N, C-alpha and C. Protein backbone atom coordinates (compact mmCIF):
# COMPACT_ATOMS: atom_id res chain seq x y z
N MET A 1 8.48 19.02 -44.30
CA MET A 1 9.82 18.55 -44.48
C MET A 1 9.85 17.20 -45.11
N ILE A 2 10.70 16.99 -46.08
CA ILE A 2 10.90 15.67 -46.73
C ILE A 2 11.97 14.96 -45.88
N ILE A 3 11.63 13.72 -45.52
CA ILE A 3 12.58 12.90 -44.78
C ILE A 3 13.27 12.01 -45.79
N ILE A 4 14.60 12.05 -45.72
CA ILE A 4 15.45 11.21 -46.60
C ILE A 4 16.25 10.23 -45.71
N LEU A 5 16.18 8.96 -46.03
CA LEU A 5 16.98 7.96 -45.35
C LEU A 5 17.80 7.21 -46.39
N PHE A 6 19.01 6.88 -45.96
CA PHE A 6 19.91 6.06 -46.83
C PHE A 6 20.23 4.78 -46.04
N VAL A 7 20.05 3.65 -46.69
CA VAL A 7 20.33 2.35 -46.04
C VAL A 7 21.33 1.69 -46.96
N LEU A 8 22.57 1.57 -46.48
CA LEU A 8 23.68 0.91 -47.21
C LEU A 8 23.88 -0.43 -46.63
N ILE A 9 23.78 -1.47 -47.46
CA ILE A 9 23.88 -2.85 -47.02
C ILE A 9 24.96 -3.57 -47.76
N TYR A 10 25.81 -4.23 -47.08
CA TYR A 10 26.83 -5.07 -47.68
C TYR A 10 26.95 -6.36 -46.85
N VAL A 11 26.44 -7.43 -47.33
CA VAL A 11 26.40 -8.74 -46.64
C VAL A 11 25.70 -8.56 -45.27
N ASP A 12 26.42 -8.50 -44.18
CA ASP A 12 25.81 -8.35 -42.91
C ASP A 12 26.17 -6.99 -42.23
N ASP A 13 26.70 -6.08 -43.03
CA ASP A 13 26.98 -4.77 -42.51
C ASP A 13 25.88 -3.81 -43.03
N ILE A 14 25.37 -2.96 -42.16
CA ILE A 14 24.31 -2.03 -42.56
C ILE A 14 24.73 -0.63 -42.00
N LEU A 15 24.60 0.37 -42.87
CA LEU A 15 24.84 1.71 -42.43
C LEU A 15 23.55 2.50 -42.74
N ILE A 16 22.99 3.13 -41.73
CA ILE A 16 21.76 3.93 -41.95
C ILE A 16 22.04 5.34 -41.57
N THR A 17 21.70 6.27 -42.44
CA THR A 17 21.86 7.68 -42.24
C THR A 17 20.70 8.45 -42.90
N GLY A 18 20.57 9.71 -42.53
CA GLY A 18 19.52 10.52 -43.13
C GLY A 18 19.45 11.86 -42.49
N ASN A 19 18.39 12.60 -42.81
CA ASN A 19 18.23 13.92 -42.30
C ASN A 19 17.30 14.05 -41.12
N SER A 20 16.85 12.89 -40.59
CA SER A 20 15.97 12.89 -39.44
C SER A 20 16.39 11.77 -38.45
N GLN A 21 16.94 12.21 -37.31
CA GLN A 21 17.36 11.27 -36.28
C GLN A 21 16.14 10.41 -35.83
N THR A 22 15.00 10.97 -35.69
CA THR A 22 13.77 10.29 -35.28
C THR A 22 13.46 9.20 -36.27
N ALA A 23 13.47 9.53 -37.58
CA ALA A 23 13.14 8.50 -38.60
C ALA A 23 14.18 7.38 -38.58
N ILE A 24 15.45 7.74 -38.35
CA ILE A 24 16.47 6.72 -38.30
C ILE A 24 16.20 5.76 -37.14
N GLN A 25 15.85 6.31 -35.96
CA GLN A 25 15.57 5.48 -34.81
C GLN A 25 14.33 4.59 -35.03
N LEU A 26 13.31 5.15 -35.64
CA LEU A 26 12.13 4.33 -35.96
C LEU A 26 12.45 3.22 -36.93
N LEU A 27 13.30 3.46 -37.93
CA LEU A 27 13.67 2.44 -38.85
C LEU A 27 14.46 1.32 -38.14
N ILE A 28 15.39 1.71 -37.28
CA ILE A 28 16.21 0.76 -36.54
C ILE A 28 15.33 -0.10 -35.68
N ALA A 29 14.37 0.53 -34.94
CA ALA A 29 13.45 -0.17 -34.07
C ALA A 29 12.58 -1.17 -34.88
N SER A 30 12.15 -0.76 -36.04
CA SER A 30 11.36 -1.65 -36.93
C SER A 30 12.21 -2.83 -37.42
N LEU A 31 13.43 -2.55 -37.84
CA LEU A 31 14.32 -3.65 -38.29
C LEU A 31 14.66 -4.63 -37.17
N SER A 32 14.80 -4.07 -35.92
CA SER A 32 15.12 -4.88 -34.79
C SER A 32 14.04 -5.90 -34.40
N GLN A 33 12.79 -5.63 -34.82
CA GLN A 33 11.66 -6.52 -34.58
C GLN A 33 11.75 -7.81 -35.40
N HIS A 34 12.53 -7.67 -36.54
CA HIS A 34 12.63 -8.77 -37.50
C HIS A 34 13.99 -9.41 -37.58
N PHE A 35 14.97 -8.68 -37.16
CA PHE A 35 16.41 -9.10 -37.32
C PHE A 35 17.17 -8.84 -36.06
N GLY A 36 18.20 -9.63 -35.81
CA GLY A 36 19.07 -9.35 -34.69
C GLY A 36 20.05 -8.23 -35.10
N LEU A 37 19.97 -7.08 -34.47
CA LEU A 37 20.85 -6.00 -34.83
C LEU A 37 21.77 -5.63 -33.67
N LYS A 38 22.93 -5.10 -34.00
CA LYS A 38 23.85 -4.54 -32.99
C LYS A 38 24.18 -3.16 -33.44
N ASN A 39 23.77 -2.15 -32.66
CA ASN A 39 24.01 -0.77 -32.99
C ASN A 39 25.44 -0.40 -32.46
N LEU A 40 26.31 -0.16 -33.42
CA LEU A 40 27.70 0.19 -33.07
C LEU A 40 27.90 1.70 -32.91
N GLY A 41 26.84 2.47 -32.97
CA GLY A 41 26.89 3.92 -32.68
C GLY A 41 27.37 4.63 -33.92
N ARG A 42 28.07 5.70 -33.68
CA ARG A 42 28.53 6.64 -34.75
C ARG A 42 29.53 5.91 -35.63
N LEU A 43 29.44 6.23 -36.91
CA LEU A 43 30.32 5.62 -37.96
C LEU A 43 31.78 5.95 -37.69
N HIS A 44 32.61 4.85 -37.73
CA HIS A 44 34.04 5.03 -37.66
C HIS A 44 34.77 4.39 -38.87
N TYR A 45 34.19 3.25 -39.32
CA TYR A 45 34.86 2.45 -40.40
C TYR A 45 33.78 1.63 -41.11
N PHE A 46 33.73 1.72 -42.42
CA PHE A 46 32.76 0.92 -43.18
C PHE A 46 33.31 0.62 -44.56
N LEU A 47 33.48 -0.65 -44.88
CA LEU A 47 33.92 -1.13 -46.18
C LEU A 47 35.25 -0.49 -46.64
N GLY A 48 36.20 -0.43 -45.73
CA GLY A 48 37.47 0.09 -46.05
C GLY A 48 37.61 1.61 -46.01
N VAL A 49 36.55 2.29 -45.60
CA VAL A 49 36.58 3.73 -45.52
C VAL A 49 36.47 4.16 -44.09
N GLU A 50 37.49 4.99 -43.64
CA GLU A 50 37.48 5.55 -42.30
C GLU A 50 36.72 6.84 -42.29
N ALA A 51 35.93 7.06 -41.20
CA ALA A 51 35.17 8.25 -41.06
C ALA A 51 35.72 9.02 -39.81
N HIS A 52 36.09 10.23 -40.03
CA HIS A 52 36.58 11.11 -38.94
C HIS A 52 35.66 12.26 -38.85
N TRP A 53 35.07 12.48 -37.64
CA TRP A 53 34.14 13.57 -37.44
C TRP A 53 34.91 14.83 -37.00
N THR A 54 34.49 15.98 -37.53
CA THR A 54 35.15 17.21 -37.18
C THR A 54 34.33 17.81 -36.03
N THR A 55 34.91 18.80 -35.37
CA THR A 55 34.27 19.45 -34.19
C THR A 55 32.98 20.18 -34.63
N ASP A 56 32.86 20.62 -35.87
CA ASP A 56 31.66 21.31 -36.31
C ASP A 56 30.63 20.39 -36.89
N GLY A 57 30.78 19.01 -36.71
CA GLY A 57 29.82 18.07 -37.19
C GLY A 57 30.07 17.55 -38.61
N GLY A 58 31.10 18.03 -39.26
CA GLY A 58 31.47 17.59 -40.55
C GLY A 58 32.07 16.22 -40.53
N LEU A 59 32.23 15.65 -41.72
CA LEU A 59 32.73 14.25 -41.85
C LEU A 59 33.82 14.22 -42.86
N HIS A 60 34.94 13.63 -42.46
CA HIS A 60 36.13 13.52 -43.36
C HIS A 60 36.26 12.01 -43.62
N LEU A 61 36.29 11.60 -44.87
CA LEU A 61 36.42 10.18 -45.26
C LEU A 61 37.81 9.94 -45.79
N SER A 62 38.43 8.85 -45.46
CA SER A 62 39.77 8.50 -45.98
C SER A 62 39.90 6.98 -46.03
N GLN A 63 40.90 6.50 -46.75
CA GLN A 63 41.21 5.09 -46.83
C GLN A 63 42.60 4.83 -46.38
N THR A 64 43.12 5.60 -45.46
CA THR A 64 44.47 5.45 -44.97
C THR A 64 44.70 4.05 -44.46
N LYS A 65 43.85 3.56 -43.53
CA LYS A 65 44.03 2.26 -42.94
C LYS A 65 43.97 1.12 -44.02
N TYR A 66 43.05 1.26 -44.97
CA TYR A 66 42.96 0.27 -46.06
C TYR A 66 44.23 0.26 -46.86
N ILE A 67 44.80 1.44 -47.20
CA ILE A 67 46.04 1.47 -48.00
C ILE A 67 47.18 0.90 -47.22
N ILE A 68 47.35 1.24 -45.92
CA ILE A 68 48.39 0.68 -45.08
C ILE A 68 48.31 -0.82 -45.00
N ASP A 69 47.06 -1.33 -44.76
CA ASP A 69 46.88 -2.78 -44.75
C ASP A 69 47.22 -3.43 -46.08
N LEU A 70 46.87 -2.85 -47.15
CA LEU A 70 47.14 -3.34 -48.50
C LEU A 70 48.68 -3.39 -48.72
N LEU A 71 49.39 -2.32 -48.36
CA LEU A 71 50.82 -2.30 -48.51
C LEU A 71 51.49 -3.33 -47.66
N GLN A 72 50.99 -3.55 -46.44
CA GLN A 72 51.63 -4.57 -45.57
C GLN A 72 51.36 -5.97 -46.20
N LYS A 73 50.15 -6.18 -46.68
CA LYS A 73 49.78 -7.50 -47.27
C LYS A 73 50.63 -7.84 -48.46
N THR A 74 51.03 -6.88 -49.25
CA THR A 74 51.80 -7.05 -50.41
C THR A 74 53.32 -6.83 -50.25
N ASN A 75 53.68 -6.80 -48.92
CA ASN A 75 55.11 -6.62 -48.58
C ASN A 75 55.71 -5.30 -49.17
N MET A 76 54.91 -4.25 -49.29
CA MET A 76 55.32 -2.97 -49.84
C MET A 76 55.25 -1.85 -48.75
N GLY A 77 55.22 -2.23 -47.51
CA GLY A 77 55.05 -1.32 -46.39
C GLY A 77 56.18 -0.30 -46.27
N PHE A 78 57.34 -0.67 -46.80
CA PHE A 78 58.54 0.20 -46.71
C PHE A 78 58.89 0.85 -48.02
N SER A 79 57.93 0.84 -48.94
CA SER A 79 58.19 1.48 -50.20
C SER A 79 58.28 3.02 -50.05
N LYS A 80 59.07 3.62 -50.94
CA LYS A 80 59.22 5.10 -50.93
C LYS A 80 58.01 5.71 -51.65
N PRO A 81 57.51 6.84 -51.13
CA PRO A 81 56.36 7.47 -51.80
C PRO A 81 56.81 8.07 -53.13
N GLN A 82 55.88 8.19 -54.06
CA GLN A 82 56.13 8.77 -55.36
C GLN A 82 54.98 9.73 -55.67
N PRO A 83 55.28 10.94 -56.09
CA PRO A 83 54.18 11.85 -56.41
C PRO A 83 53.43 11.32 -57.66
N ALA A 84 52.14 11.64 -57.72
CA ALA A 84 51.38 11.19 -58.87
C ALA A 84 50.80 12.41 -59.54
N PRO A 85 50.69 12.52 -60.84
CA PRO A 85 51.21 11.52 -61.76
C PRO A 85 52.73 11.53 -61.81
N MET A 86 53.29 10.40 -62.14
CA MET A 86 54.76 10.32 -62.23
C MET A 86 55.25 11.20 -63.29
N LEU A 87 56.45 11.74 -63.08
CA LEU A 87 57.10 12.58 -64.13
C LEU A 87 57.62 11.68 -65.22
N SER A 88 57.51 12.19 -66.46
CA SER A 88 57.97 11.46 -67.57
C SER A 88 59.50 11.58 -67.67
N THR A 89 60.21 10.47 -67.88
CA THR A 89 61.67 10.53 -67.97
C THR A 89 62.14 10.37 -69.42
N SER A 90 61.22 10.27 -70.37
CA SER A 90 61.66 10.09 -71.78
C SER A 90 61.83 11.42 -72.50
C-alpha cells in the first residue's frame, strides 16, 4: 500500500491529512518533538473554508461564514441576492 500524506501550512496553521491514520499520528508525534503543536481534532474551519462532515464520512466544503463575514465587513449584509450570471438588460 502506498501511503499518501498531505501537509498544508499557512503561517502557523497546519492541516495534515492522508490515507493512513497511523502515518498521520506518527508524523504529528515527530513534529511534536521539534515544535509546540496543538491538535484541534477533526477539521471544522481552515483558511476561510468550512468543513462539514456527512454521516457516511464524506466532506462538504463551503465558504458561507467567510462570505457572511465579508458582507458584514463591507456593510452589505442586508443586500438582496442576485442570480449569477446576471441577466442582460440591453
